[in-house]
Amino acid sequence: MRKRELEMALQGLATLPDPRPDLEQYPTPASLAADILFTAMAMGDIQDRSVLDLGCGNGIFCLGAGILGAREVVGVDVDSRAIEIAEGNAESLGVEASFFLSDVSDYKGKHDTVIQNPPFGSQRRGADRPFLAKAMECGDSVYTLHMEETERFLLKTVSSLGGRIEYRKSYKFNIPHMFGFHSKEKKSVNIVLLLIRR
């Protein structure tokens, strides 16, 4: 499958109709998800692997991994509506996936790969930290998105948790006008993808 084909498949996924600002439920753009998934596949972290998506939302990362040949795909989210939509998306794509309604800190599974787009901490400072810690606990390889301005702090956190960063890539993330407190039609922020190995 080509990256553009995956992107088109992911563009068709249903999204949360009424996202919650406190959970920073901004949808991951299909183009960004496809690029990250193809990066992970090139690194040997998708095909025949067990892939976990923490804070899975509509399931874009775990379902994309399933399309690309992951052996097992799992999504975890604290919002029951997100789980319901992710299950519907899995059915429409014909991807076998397991979804768990749980706070990420309570999840106990072990996986080869974790791919996540955690809250950036815009509404609650440090909201991404529990996701990072849990991802490193659950997976041997972690692909995680964060605000680029926090990268220096993240490097220290990753090191303290026994991990090392093997790859990074910068992206522009466009946040659409979704909530009442948004003052612009669209805001672009600089984010960074980190690949962490234990």
N, C-alpha and C. Protein backbone atom coordinates (compact mmCIF):
# COMPACT_ATOMS: atom_id res chain seq x y z
N MET A 1 0.84 -1.20 0.00
CA MET A 1 0.00 0.00 0.00
C MET A 1 0.88 1.25 0.00
N ARG A 2 0.48 2.24 -0.79
CA ARG A 2 1.20 3.51 -0.81
C ARG A 2 0.69 4.41 0.31
N LYS A 3 1.55 5.36 0.68
CA LYS A 3 1.18 6.27 1.76
C LYS A 3 -0.09 7.05 1.43
N ARG A 4 -0.22 7.49 0.19
CA ARG A 4 -1.41 8.25 -0.21
C ARG A 4 -2.68 7.40 -0.08
N GLU A 5 -2.58 6.12 -0.38
CA GLU A 5 -3.73 5.22 -0.25
C GLU A 5 -4.14 5.08 1.21
N LEU A 6 -3.14 4.97 2.09
CA LEU A 6 -3.44 4.89 3.52
C LEU A 6 -4.08 6.19 3.99
N GLU A 7 -3.53 7.31 3.56
CA GLU A 7 -4.08 8.61 3.94
C GLU A 7 -5.55 8.72 3.54
N MET A 8 -5.86 8.28 2.33
CA MET A 8 -7.25 8.34 1.86
C MET A 8 -8.16 7.45 2.69
N ALA A 9 -7.68 6.27 3.08
CA ALA A 9 -8.47 5.38 3.93
C ALA A 9 -8.72 6.02 5.30
N LEU A 10 -7.71 6.68 5.85
CA LEU A 10 -7.84 7.30 7.16
C LEU A 10 -8.70 8.55 7.13
N GLN A 11 -8.73 9.23 5.98
CA GLN A 11 -9.57 10.42 5.85
C GLN A 11 -11.05 10.07 5.97
N GLY A 12 -11.39 8.83 5.65
CA GLY A 12 -12.79 8.41 5.69
C GLY A 12 -13.28 8.02 7.08
N LEU A 13 -12.40 8.06 8.08
CA LEU A 13 -12.80 7.64 9.43
C LEU A 13 -13.75 8.67 10.06
N ALA A 14 -14.74 8.17 10.77
CA ALA A 14 -15.63 9.05 11.53
C ALA A 14 -14.84 9.65 12.69
N THR A 15 -15.17 10.89 13.04
CA THR A 15 -14.51 11.58 14.16
C THR A 15 -15.54 11.89 15.24
N LEU A 16 -15.06 12.30 16.39
CA LEU A 16 -15.97 12.63 17.49
C LEU A 16 -16.80 13.85 17.12
N PRO A 17 -18.13 13.75 17.20
CA PRO A 17 -18.99 14.87 16.79
C PRO A 17 -18.94 16.04 17.77
N ASP A 18 -18.62 15.76 19.03
CA ASP A 18 -18.63 16.81 20.05
C ASP A 18 -17.40 16.64 20.95
N PRO A 19 -16.21 17.00 20.43
CA PRO A 19 -14.98 16.76 21.20
C PRO A 19 -14.92 17.57 22.48
N ARG A 20 -14.21 17.02 23.46
CA ARG A 20 -14.09 17.66 24.78
C ARG A 20 -12.80 18.47 24.86
N PRO A 21 -12.90 19.77 25.19
CA PRO A 21 -11.70 20.59 25.30
C PRO A 21 -10.79 20.15 26.45
N ASP A 22 -11.37 19.65 27.54
CA ASP A 22 -10.54 19.26 28.68
C ASP A 22 -9.65 18.07 28.36
N LEU A 23 -10.06 17.25 27.36
CA LEU A 23 -9.25 16.11 26.94
C LEU A 23 -8.41 16.44 25.70
N GLU A 24 -8.52 17.68 25.23
CA GLU A 24 -7.79 18.13 24.03
C GLU A 24 -7.99 17.15 22.87
N GLN A 25 -9.26 16.90 22.59
CA GLN A 25 -9.59 15.91 21.56
C GLN A 25 -9.56 16.51 20.16
N TYR A 26 -8.37 16.96 19.77
CA TYR A 26 -8.17 17.46 18.41
C TYR A 26 -7.90 16.28 17.50
N PRO A 27 -8.60 16.17 16.38
CA PRO A 27 -8.38 15.03 15.49
C PRO A 27 -7.00 15.08 14.85
N THR A 28 -6.33 13.94 14.79
CA THR A 28 -5.05 13.84 14.11
C THR A 28 -5.30 13.84 12.60
N PRO A 29 -4.72 14.78 11.85
CA PRO A 29 -4.95 14.79 10.40
C PRO A 29 -4.48 13.48 9.76
N ALA A 30 -5.23 13.03 8.77
CA ALA A 30 -4.89 11.76 8.10
C ALA A 30 -3.51 11.80 7.47
N SER A 31 -3.11 12.95 6.92
CA SER A 31 -1.79 13.05 6.29
C SER A 31 -0.68 12.88 7.31
N LEU A 32 -0.86 13.45 8.49
CA LEU A 32 0.12 13.32 9.57
C LEU A 32 0.18 11.87 10.07
N ALA A 33 -0.99 11.27 10.30
CA ALA A 33 -1.04 9.89 10.78
C ALA A 33 -0.39 8.94 9.78
N ALA A 34 -0.68 9.14 8.49
CA ALA A 34 -0.11 8.26 7.47
C ALA A 34 1.41 8.39 7.42
N ASP A 35 1.93 9.61 7.55
CA ASP A 35 3.37 9.81 7.52
C ASP A 35 4.04 9.12 8.72
N ILE A 36 3.44 9.26 9.89
CA ILE A 36 4.00 8.63 11.10
C ILE A 36 3.94 7.11 10.99
N LEU A 37 2.83 6.59 10.50
CA LEU A 37 2.68 5.13 10.35
C LEU A 37 3.69 4.58 9.34
N PHE A 38 3.92 5.29 8.25
CA PHE A 38 4.90 4.82 7.27
C PHE A 38 6.31 4.91 7.81
N THR A 39 6.57 5.92 8.64
CA THR A 39 7.87 6.00 9.32
C THR A 39 8.07 4.79 10.22
N ALA A 40 7.04 4.48 11.02
CA ALA A 40 7.12 3.33 11.93
C ALA A 40 7.28 2.03 11.16
N MET A 41 6.59 1.92 10.01
CA MET A 41 6.71 0.71 9.21
C MET A 41 8.13 0.57 8.65
N ALA A 42 8.71 1.68 8.20
CA ALA A 42 10.07 1.65 7.66
C ALA A 42 11.09 1.27 8.74
N MET A 43 10.77 1.58 9.99
CA MET A 43 11.65 1.25 11.11
C MET A 43 11.44 -0.18 11.60
N GLY A 44 10.51 -0.91 10.99
CA GLY A 44 10.25 -2.29 11.39
C GLY A 44 9.33 -2.44 12.58
N ASP A 45 8.53 -1.39 12.87
CA ASP A 45 7.72 -1.40 14.09
C ASP A 45 6.22 -1.58 13.87
N ILE A 46 5.81 -1.97 12.66
CA ILE A 46 4.38 -2.17 12.38
C ILE A 46 4.08 -3.60 11.97
N GLN A 47 4.65 -4.04 10.88
CA GLN A 47 4.28 -5.34 10.32
C GLN A 47 4.60 -6.48 11.29
N ASP A 48 3.58 -7.31 11.53
CA ASP A 48 3.67 -8.45 12.44
C ASP A 48 3.98 -8.05 13.89
N ARG A 49 3.69 -6.81 14.24
CA ARG A 49 3.91 -6.32 15.60
C ARG A 49 2.58 -6.10 16.32
N SER A 50 2.66 -6.07 17.63
CA SER A 50 1.52 -5.67 18.46
C SER A 50 1.61 -4.17 18.68
N VAL A 51 0.59 -3.43 18.24
CA VAL A 51 0.63 -1.96 18.26
C VAL A 51 -0.46 -1.42 19.17
N LEU A 52 -0.08 -0.51 20.05
CA LEU A 52 -0.98 0.13 21.00
C LEU A 52 -1.10 1.61 20.68
N ASP A 53 -2.33 2.13 20.74
CA ASP A 53 -2.61 3.56 20.57
C ASP A 53 -3.23 4.06 21.87
N LEU A 54 -2.46 4.86 22.63
CA LEU A 54 -2.96 5.40 23.90
C LEU A 54 -3.68 6.73 23.63
N GLY A 55 -4.87 6.88 24.20
CA GLY A 55 -5.69 8.05 23.89
C GLY A 55 -6.10 7.98 22.43
N CYS A 56 -6.66 6.84 22.05
CA CYS A 56 -6.83 6.49 20.63
C CYS A 56 -7.84 7.35 19.88
N GLY A 57 -8.74 8.04 20.59
CA GLY A 57 -9.74 8.82 19.87
C GLY A 57 -10.53 7.94 18.92
N ASN A 58 -10.54 8.32 17.64
CA ASN A 58 -11.31 7.55 16.65
C ASN A 58 -10.54 6.33 16.14
N GLY A 59 -9.35 6.07 16.70
CA GLY A 59 -8.59 4.87 16.35
C GLY A 59 -7.65 5.02 15.18
N ILE A 60 -7.34 6.25 14.78
CA ILE A 60 -6.60 6.47 13.54
C ILE A 60 -5.25 5.77 13.50
N PHE A 61 -4.51 5.76 14.61
CA PHE A 61 -3.18 5.13 14.59
C PHE A 61 -3.26 3.61 14.64
N CYS A 62 -4.07 3.07 15.55
CA CYS A 62 -4.12 1.61 15.64
C CYS A 62 -4.78 1.00 14.42
N LEU A 63 -5.78 1.65 13.88
CA LEU A 63 -6.43 1.11 12.68
C LEU A 63 -5.53 1.24 11.45
N GLY A 64 -4.79 2.34 11.37
CA GLY A 64 -3.81 2.47 10.29
C GLY A 64 -2.74 1.40 10.37
N ALA A 65 -2.31 1.10 11.59
CA ALA A 65 -1.33 0.02 11.79
C ALA A 65 -1.90 -1.32 11.36
N GLY A 66 -3.19 -1.52 11.65
CA GLY A 66 -3.85 -2.76 11.23
C GLY A 66 -3.89 -2.90 9.71
N ILE A 67 -4.16 -1.81 9.03
CA ILE A 67 -4.16 -1.81 7.56
C ILE A 67 -2.78 -2.18 7.03
N LEU A 68 -1.73 -1.73 7.73
CA LEU A 68 -0.36 -1.96 7.27
C LEU A 68 0.22 -3.30 7.71
N GLY A 69 -0.59 -4.14 8.34
CA GLY A 69 -0.14 -5.49 8.63
C GLY A 69 0.31 -5.78 10.04
N ALA A 70 -0.11 -4.95 11.01
CA ALA A 70 0.21 -5.26 12.40
C ALA A 70 -0.46 -6.57 12.80
N ARG A 71 0.19 -7.32 13.67
CA ARG A 71 -0.36 -8.60 14.14
C ARG A 71 -1.54 -8.39 15.08
N GLU A 72 -1.45 -7.35 15.89
CA GLU A 72 -2.49 -7.03 16.88
C GLU A 72 -2.55 -5.52 17.01
N VAL A 73 -3.77 -4.96 17.08
CA VAL A 73 -3.90 -3.52 17.32
C VAL A 73 -4.87 -3.28 18.46
N VAL A 74 -4.48 -2.37 19.34
CA VAL A 74 -5.24 -2.07 20.55
C VAL A 74 -5.33 -0.56 20.73
N GLY A 75 -6.51 -0.08 21.08
CA GLY A 75 -6.71 1.32 21.40
C GLY A 75 -7.25 1.48 22.81
N VAL A 76 -6.78 2.51 23.49
CA VAL A 76 -7.22 2.81 24.86
C VAL A 76 -7.66 4.27 24.91
N ASP A 77 -8.83 4.52 25.48
CA ASP A 77 -9.30 5.90 25.63
C ASP A 77 -10.19 5.99 26.86
N VAL A 78 -10.20 7.16 27.49
CA VAL A 78 -11.00 7.38 28.69
C VAL A 78 -12.43 7.80 28.35
N ASP A 79 -12.68 8.12 27.08
CA ASP A 79 -13.99 8.60 26.64
C ASP A 79 -14.75 7.47 25.95
N SER A 80 -15.88 7.10 26.50
CA SER A 80 -16.67 5.99 25.94
C SER A 80 -17.16 6.30 24.53
N ARG A 81 -17.40 7.59 24.23
CA ARG A 81 -17.84 7.95 22.89
C ARG A 81 -16.74 7.68 21.87
N ALA A 82 -15.51 7.96 22.25
CA ALA A 82 -14.37 7.71 21.36
C ALA A 82 -14.25 6.22 21.07
N ILE A 83 -14.40 5.41 22.11
CA ILE A 83 -14.32 3.96 21.93
C ILE A 83 -15.40 3.47 20.97
N GLU A 84 -16.59 3.99 21.13
CA GLU A 84 -17.71 3.60 20.27
C GLU A 84 -17.42 3.96 18.81
N ILE A 85 -16.90 5.15 18.57
CA ILE A 85 -16.58 5.58 17.21
C ILE A 85 -15.43 4.77 16.64
N ALA A 86 -14.41 4.50 17.45
CA ALA A 86 -13.27 3.70 17.00
C ALA A 86 -13.71 2.29 16.61
N GLU A 87 -14.61 1.71 17.40
CA GLU A 87 -15.12 0.37 17.07
C GLU A 87 -15.88 0.39 15.74
N GLY A 88 -16.65 1.45 15.52
CA GLY A 88 -17.37 1.58 14.25
C GLY A 88 -16.41 1.74 13.08
N ASN A 89 -15.34 2.51 13.29
CA ASN A 89 -14.33 2.69 12.24
C ASN A 89 -13.62 1.38 11.92
N ALA A 90 -13.33 0.60 12.96
CA ALA A 90 -12.68 -0.71 12.75
C ALA A 90 -13.57 -1.60 11.90
N GLU A 91 -14.85 -1.58 12.21
CA GLU A 91 -15.80 -2.41 11.46
C GLU A 91 -15.87 -1.97 10.01
N SER A 92 -15.93 -0.66 9.78
CA SER A 92 -16.05 -0.17 8.40
C SER A 92 -14.80 -0.45 7.58
N LEU A 93 -13.63 -0.48 8.24
CA LEU A 93 -12.38 -0.78 7.53
C LEU A 93 -12.10 -2.28 7.43
N GLY A 94 -12.83 -3.08 8.21
CA GLY A 94 -12.56 -4.51 8.25
C GLY A 94 -11.28 -4.85 8.98
N VAL A 95 -10.92 -4.01 9.96
CA VAL A 95 -9.71 -4.23 10.77
C VAL A 95 -10.11 -4.83 12.11
N GLU A 96 -9.46 -5.93 12.47
CA GLU A 96 -9.72 -6.54 13.77
C GLU A 96 -8.93 -5.78 14.83
N ALA A 97 -9.62 -5.18 15.78
CA ALA A 97 -8.97 -4.36 16.79
C ALA A 97 -9.66 -4.54 18.13
N SER A 98 -8.91 -4.32 19.20
CA SER A 98 -9.46 -4.35 20.56
C SER A 98 -9.39 -2.95 21.13
N PHE A 99 -10.47 -2.53 21.79
CA PHE A 99 -10.51 -1.20 22.39
C PHE A 99 -10.87 -1.32 23.86
N PHE A 100 -10.21 -0.52 24.69
CA PHE A 100 -10.42 -0.55 26.13
C PHE A 100 -10.77 0.83 26.63
N LEU A 101 -11.87 0.91 27.40
CA LEU A 101 -12.26 2.15 28.06
C LEU A 101 -11.49 2.23 29.37
N SER A 102 -10.51 3.11 29.42
CA SER A 102 -9.63 3.16 30.58
C SER A 102 -8.82 4.45 30.59
N ASP A 103 -8.53 4.95 31.76
CA ASP A 103 -7.51 5.98 31.89
C ASP A 103 -6.18 5.34 31.51
N VAL A 104 -5.32 6.06 30.81
CA VAL A 104 -4.08 5.44 30.34
C VAL A 104 -3.23 4.92 31.50
N SER A 105 -3.28 5.61 32.63
CA SER A 105 -2.44 5.20 33.76
C SER A 105 -2.86 3.84 34.33
N ASP A 106 -4.09 3.41 34.05
CA ASP A 106 -4.58 2.12 34.56
C ASP A 106 -4.35 0.96 33.60
N TYR A 107 -3.92 1.24 32.39
CA TYR A 107 -3.75 0.18 31.39
C TYR A 107 -2.49 -0.63 31.70
N LYS A 108 -2.57 -1.96 31.53
CA LYS A 108 -1.47 -2.85 31.95
C LYS A 108 -0.85 -3.68 30.82
N GLY A 109 -1.31 -3.52 29.59
CA GLY A 109 -0.82 -4.39 28.52
C GLY A 109 0.62 -4.15 28.12
N LYS A 110 1.21 -5.13 27.45
CA LYS A 110 2.57 -5.04 26.91
C LYS A 110 2.50 -5.19 25.39
N HIS A 111 3.24 -4.36 24.67
CA HIS A 111 3.17 -4.33 23.21
C HIS A 111 4.55 -4.06 22.62
N ASP A 112 4.69 -4.39 21.35
CA ASP A 112 5.95 -4.09 20.67
C ASP A 112 6.10 -2.60 20.42
N THR A 113 5.00 -1.98 20.00
CA THR A 113 5.04 -0.59 19.54
C THR A 113 3.87 0.20 20.12
N VAL A 114 4.16 1.43 20.54
CA VAL A 114 3.11 2.37 20.95
C VAL A 114 3.18 3.57 20.00
N ILE A 115 2.04 3.97 19.47
CA ILE A 115 1.95 5.19 18.65
C ILE A 115 0.86 6.04 19.28
N GLN A 116 1.20 7.30 19.60
CA GLN A 116 0.22 8.11 20.31
C GLN A 116 0.35 9.60 19.96
N ASN A 117 -0.79 10.26 20.06
CA ASN A 117 -0.87 11.72 19.97
C ASN A 117 -1.54 12.19 21.26
N PRO A 118 -0.76 12.31 22.34
CA PRO A 118 -1.36 12.65 23.63
C PRO A 118 -1.78 14.12 23.69
N PRO A 119 -2.53 14.50 24.71
CA PRO A 119 -2.82 15.93 24.89
C PRO A 119 -1.51 16.71 24.95
N PHE A 120 -1.49 17.89 24.32
CA PHE A 120 -0.26 18.69 24.29
C PHE A 120 -0.03 19.46 25.59
N GLY A 121 -1.02 19.49 26.47
CA GLY A 121 -0.87 20.22 27.72
C GLY A 121 -1.31 21.66 27.61
N SER A 122 -2.10 21.99 26.58
CA SER A 122 -2.57 23.36 26.40
C SER A 122 -3.61 23.73 27.46
N GLN A 123 -4.46 22.77 27.82
CA GLN A 123 -5.50 23.02 28.82
C GLN A 123 -5.03 22.67 30.23
N ARG A 124 -4.20 21.66 30.32
CA ARG A 124 -3.68 21.24 31.63
C ARG A 124 -2.20 20.93 31.47
N ARG A 125 -1.37 21.77 32.03
CA ARG A 125 0.07 21.63 31.85
C ARG A 125 0.54 20.25 32.31
N GLY A 126 1.39 19.64 31.48
CA GLY A 126 1.93 18.33 31.82
C GLY A 126 0.99 17.18 31.52
N ALA A 127 -0.11 17.44 30.79
CA ALA A 127 -1.09 16.38 30.51
C ALA A 127 -0.49 15.26 29.67
N ASP A 128 0.58 15.56 28.94
CA ASP A 128 1.20 14.53 28.10
C ASP A 128 2.12 13.60 28.88
N ARG A 129 2.53 13.99 30.09
CA ARG A 129 3.52 13.20 30.84
C ARG A 129 3.04 11.81 31.23
N PRO A 130 1.80 11.65 31.74
CA PRO A 130 1.35 10.29 32.05
C PRO A 130 1.30 9.39 30.82
N PHE A 131 0.99 9.97 29.67
CA PHE A 131 0.97 9.20 28.42
C PHE A 131 2.38 8.73 28.07
N LEU A 132 3.35 9.62 28.21
CA LEU A 132 4.73 9.27 27.88
C LEU A 132 5.23 8.17 28.81
N ALA A 133 4.99 8.32 30.09
CA ALA A 133 5.44 7.31 31.06
C ALA A 133 4.78 5.96 30.80
N LYS A 134 3.48 5.96 30.54
CA LYS A 134 2.77 4.70 30.30
C LYS A 134 3.22 4.07 28.99
N ALA A 135 3.42 4.88 27.96
CA ALA A 135 3.87 4.36 26.67
C ALA A 135 5.21 3.65 26.82
N MET A 136 6.12 4.24 27.58
CA MET A 136 7.44 3.63 27.77
C MET A 136 7.36 2.39 28.65
N GLU A 137 6.36 2.32 29.49
CA GLU A 137 6.14 1.12 30.31
C GLU A 137 5.56 -0.02 29.47
N CYS A 138 4.71 0.33 28.51
CA CYS A 138 3.97 -0.69 27.75
C CYS A 138 4.67 -1.15 26.48
N GLY A 139 5.52 -0.31 25.89
CA GLY A 139 6.06 -0.64 24.57
C GLY A 139 7.58 -0.58 24.50
N ASP A 140 8.14 -1.40 23.62
CA ASP A 140 9.59 -1.36 23.38
C ASP A 140 9.97 -0.20 22.48
N SER A 141 9.09 0.16 21.55
CA SER A 141 9.29 1.29 20.65
C SER A 141 8.10 2.22 20.79
N VAL A 142 8.37 3.50 21.00
CA VAL A 142 7.30 4.48 21.25
C VAL A 142 7.42 5.62 20.24
N TYR A 143 6.33 5.86 19.51
CA TYR A 143 6.22 7.02 18.62
C TYR A 143 5.25 7.98 19.27
N THR A 144 5.72 9.15 19.65
CA THR A 144 4.89 10.05 20.45
C THR A 144 5.03 11.49 19.97
N LEU A 145 3.91 12.21 19.92
CA LEU A 145 3.87 13.58 19.46
C LEU A 145 3.77 14.55 20.63
N HIS A 146 4.55 15.64 20.55
CA HIS A 146 4.54 16.64 21.62
C HIS A 146 4.80 18.02 21.04
N MET A 147 4.51 19.05 21.82
CA MET A 147 4.86 20.40 21.42
C MET A 147 6.38 20.50 21.31
N GLU A 148 6.84 21.08 20.23
CA GLU A 148 8.29 21.15 20.00
C GLU A 148 9.00 21.95 21.10
N GLU A 149 8.33 22.94 21.65
CA GLU A 149 8.94 23.78 22.68
C GLU A 149 9.25 23.02 23.97
N THR A 150 8.64 21.84 24.14
CA THR A 150 8.88 21.05 25.36
C THR A 150 9.96 19.98 25.15
N GLU A 151 10.58 19.97 23.98
CA GLU A 151 11.48 18.86 23.63
C GLU A 151 12.65 18.71 24.60
N ARG A 152 13.23 19.81 25.01
CA ARG A 152 14.38 19.71 25.93
C ARG A 152 13.98 19.02 27.24
N PHE A 153 12.83 19.39 27.77
CA PHE A 153 12.34 18.75 28.98
C PHE A 153 12.04 17.27 28.73
N LEU A 154 11.46 16.97 27.56
CA LEU A 154 11.14 15.59 27.23
C LEU A 154 12.39 14.71 27.18
N LEU A 155 13.48 15.26 26.66
CA LEU A 155 14.73 14.50 26.59
C LEU A 155 15.16 14.04 27.98
N LYS A 156 15.04 14.92 28.95
CA LYS A 156 15.39 14.57 30.33
C LYS A 156 14.45 13.51 30.88
N THR A 157 13.15 13.68 30.60
CA THR A 157 12.16 12.72 31.10
C THR A 157 12.39 11.34 30.51
N VAL A 158 12.63 11.29 29.21
CA VAL A 158 12.87 10.00 28.54
C VAL A 158 14.09 9.32 29.12
N SER A 159 15.15 10.07 29.33
CA SER A 159 16.38 9.51 29.90
C SER A 159 16.14 8.99 31.31
N SER A 160 15.38 9.74 32.10
CA SER A 160 15.11 9.32 33.48
C SER A 160 14.27 8.06 33.55
N LEU A 161 13.50 7.80 32.48
CA LEU A 161 12.65 6.60 32.42
C LEU A 161 13.36 5.43 31.74
N GLY A 162 14.63 5.61 31.42
CA GLY A 162 15.42 4.52 30.85
C GLY A 162 15.31 4.37 29.35
N GLY A 163 14.90 5.42 28.66
CA GLY A 163 14.76 5.36 27.21
C GLY A 163 15.79 6.22 26.50
N ARG A 164 15.86 6.05 25.18
CA ARG A 164 16.73 6.89 24.36
C ARG A 164 15.96 7.27 23.10
N ILE A 165 16.18 8.46 22.63
CA ILE A 165 15.50 8.93 21.42
C ILE A 165 16.36 8.57 20.22
N GLU A 166 15.78 7.81 19.29
CA GLU A 166 16.51 7.34 18.12
C GLU A 166 16.15 8.11 16.85
N TYR A 167 15.05 8.86 16.89
CA TYR A 167 14.61 9.56 15.69
C TYR A 167 13.68 10.68 16.12
N ARG A 168 13.72 11.79 15.38
CA ARG A 168 12.78 12.90 15.61
C ARG A 168 12.41 13.51 14.27
N LYS A 169 11.22 14.05 14.22
CA LYS A 169 10.77 14.76 13.02
C LYS A 169 9.81 15.86 13.43
N SER A 170 9.99 17.04 12.86
CA SER A 170 9.12 18.17 13.16
C SER A 170 7.95 18.23 12.18
N TYR A 171 6.82 18.69 12.68
CA TYR A 171 5.62 18.87 11.87
C TYR A 171 4.95 20.18 12.27
N LYS A 172 4.12 20.68 11.37
CA LYS A 172 3.16 21.74 11.69
C LYS A 172 1.83 21.06 11.95
N PHE A 173 1.19 21.41 13.04
CA PHE A 173 -0.10 20.82 13.39
C PHE A 173 -1.12 21.95 13.35
N ASN A 174 -2.09 21.81 12.47
CA ASN A 174 -3.13 22.83 12.35
C ASN A 174 -4.31 22.50 13.25
N ILE A 175 -4.57 23.39 14.20
CA ILE A 175 -5.69 23.21 15.12
C ILE A 175 -6.85 24.05 14.61
N PRO A 176 -7.94 23.39 14.21
CA PRO A 176 -9.09 24.16 13.70
C PRO A 176 -9.85 24.85 14.82
N HIS A 177 -10.67 25.81 14.47
CA HIS A 177 -11.53 26.49 15.44
C HIS A 177 -12.61 25.49 15.85
N MET A 178 -12.49 24.95 17.07
CA MET A 178 -13.42 23.92 17.53
C MET A 178 -14.15 24.29 18.81
N PHE A 179 -13.53 25.14 19.61
CA PHE A 179 -14.09 25.43 20.94
C PHE A 179 -14.31 26.94 21.10
N GLY A 180 -15.17 27.32 22.04
CA GLY A 180 -15.53 28.71 22.25
C GLY A 180 -14.35 29.61 22.59
N PHE A 181 -13.33 29.06 23.23
CA PHE A 181 -12.19 29.89 23.62
C PHE A 181 -11.20 30.11 22.48
N HIS A 182 -11.39 29.46 21.35
CA HIS A 182 -10.52 29.68 20.19
C HIS A 182 -10.83 31.03 19.56
N SER A 183 -9.79 31.84 19.37
CA SER A 183 -9.98 33.18 18.81
C SER A 183 -9.70 33.24 17.31
N LYS A 184 -9.05 32.20 16.76
CA LYS A 184 -8.72 32.20 15.33
C LYS A 184 -9.41 31.04 14.63
N GLU A 185 -9.62 31.22 13.31
CA GLU A 185 -10.22 30.15 12.52
C GLU A 185 -9.36 28.89 12.53
N LYS A 186 -8.05 29.10 12.52
CA LYS A 186 -7.11 27.99 12.52
C LYS A 186 -5.81 28.46 13.15
N LYS A 187 -5.20 27.61 13.96
CA LYS A 187 -3.93 27.95 14.57
C LYS A 187 -2.93 26.85 14.23
N SER A 188 -1.73 27.25 13.85
CA SER A 188 -0.69 26.29 13.51
C SER A 188 0.34 26.26 14.63
N VAL A 189 0.66 25.05 15.13
CA VAL A 189 1.66 24.91 16.18
C VAL A 189 2.76 23.96 15.71
N ASN A 190 3.94 24.13 16.26
CA ASN A 190 5.07 23.27 15.93
C ASN A 190 5.09 22.08 16.89
N ILE A 191 5.05 20.89 16.31
CA ILE A 191 5.11 19.68 17.14
C ILE A 191 6.27 18.81 16.68
N VAL A 192 6.62 17.86 17.51
CA VAL A 192 7.73 16.97 17.19
C VAL A 192 7.32 15.52 17.44
N LEU A 193 7.68 14.66 16.51
CA LEU A 193 7.52 13.22 16.69
C LEU A 193 8.84 12.68 17.23
N LEU A 194 8.77 11.96 18.31
CA LEU A 194 9.95 11.29 18.88
C LEU A 194 9.77 9.79 18.80
N LEU A 195 10.80 9.10 18.36
CA LEU A 195 10.86 7.64 18.44
C LEU A 195 11.76 7.30 19.61
N ILE A 196 11.19 6.63 20.60
CA ILE A 196 11.91 6.27 21.81
C ILE A 196 12.05 4.75 21.87
N ARG A 197 13.24 4.31 22.16
CA ARG A 197 13.48 2.88 22.38
C ARG A 197 13.93 2.68 23.82
N ARG A 198 13.54 1.53 24.34
CA ARG A 198 13.97 1.16 25.70
C ARG A 198 15.15 0.21 25.61
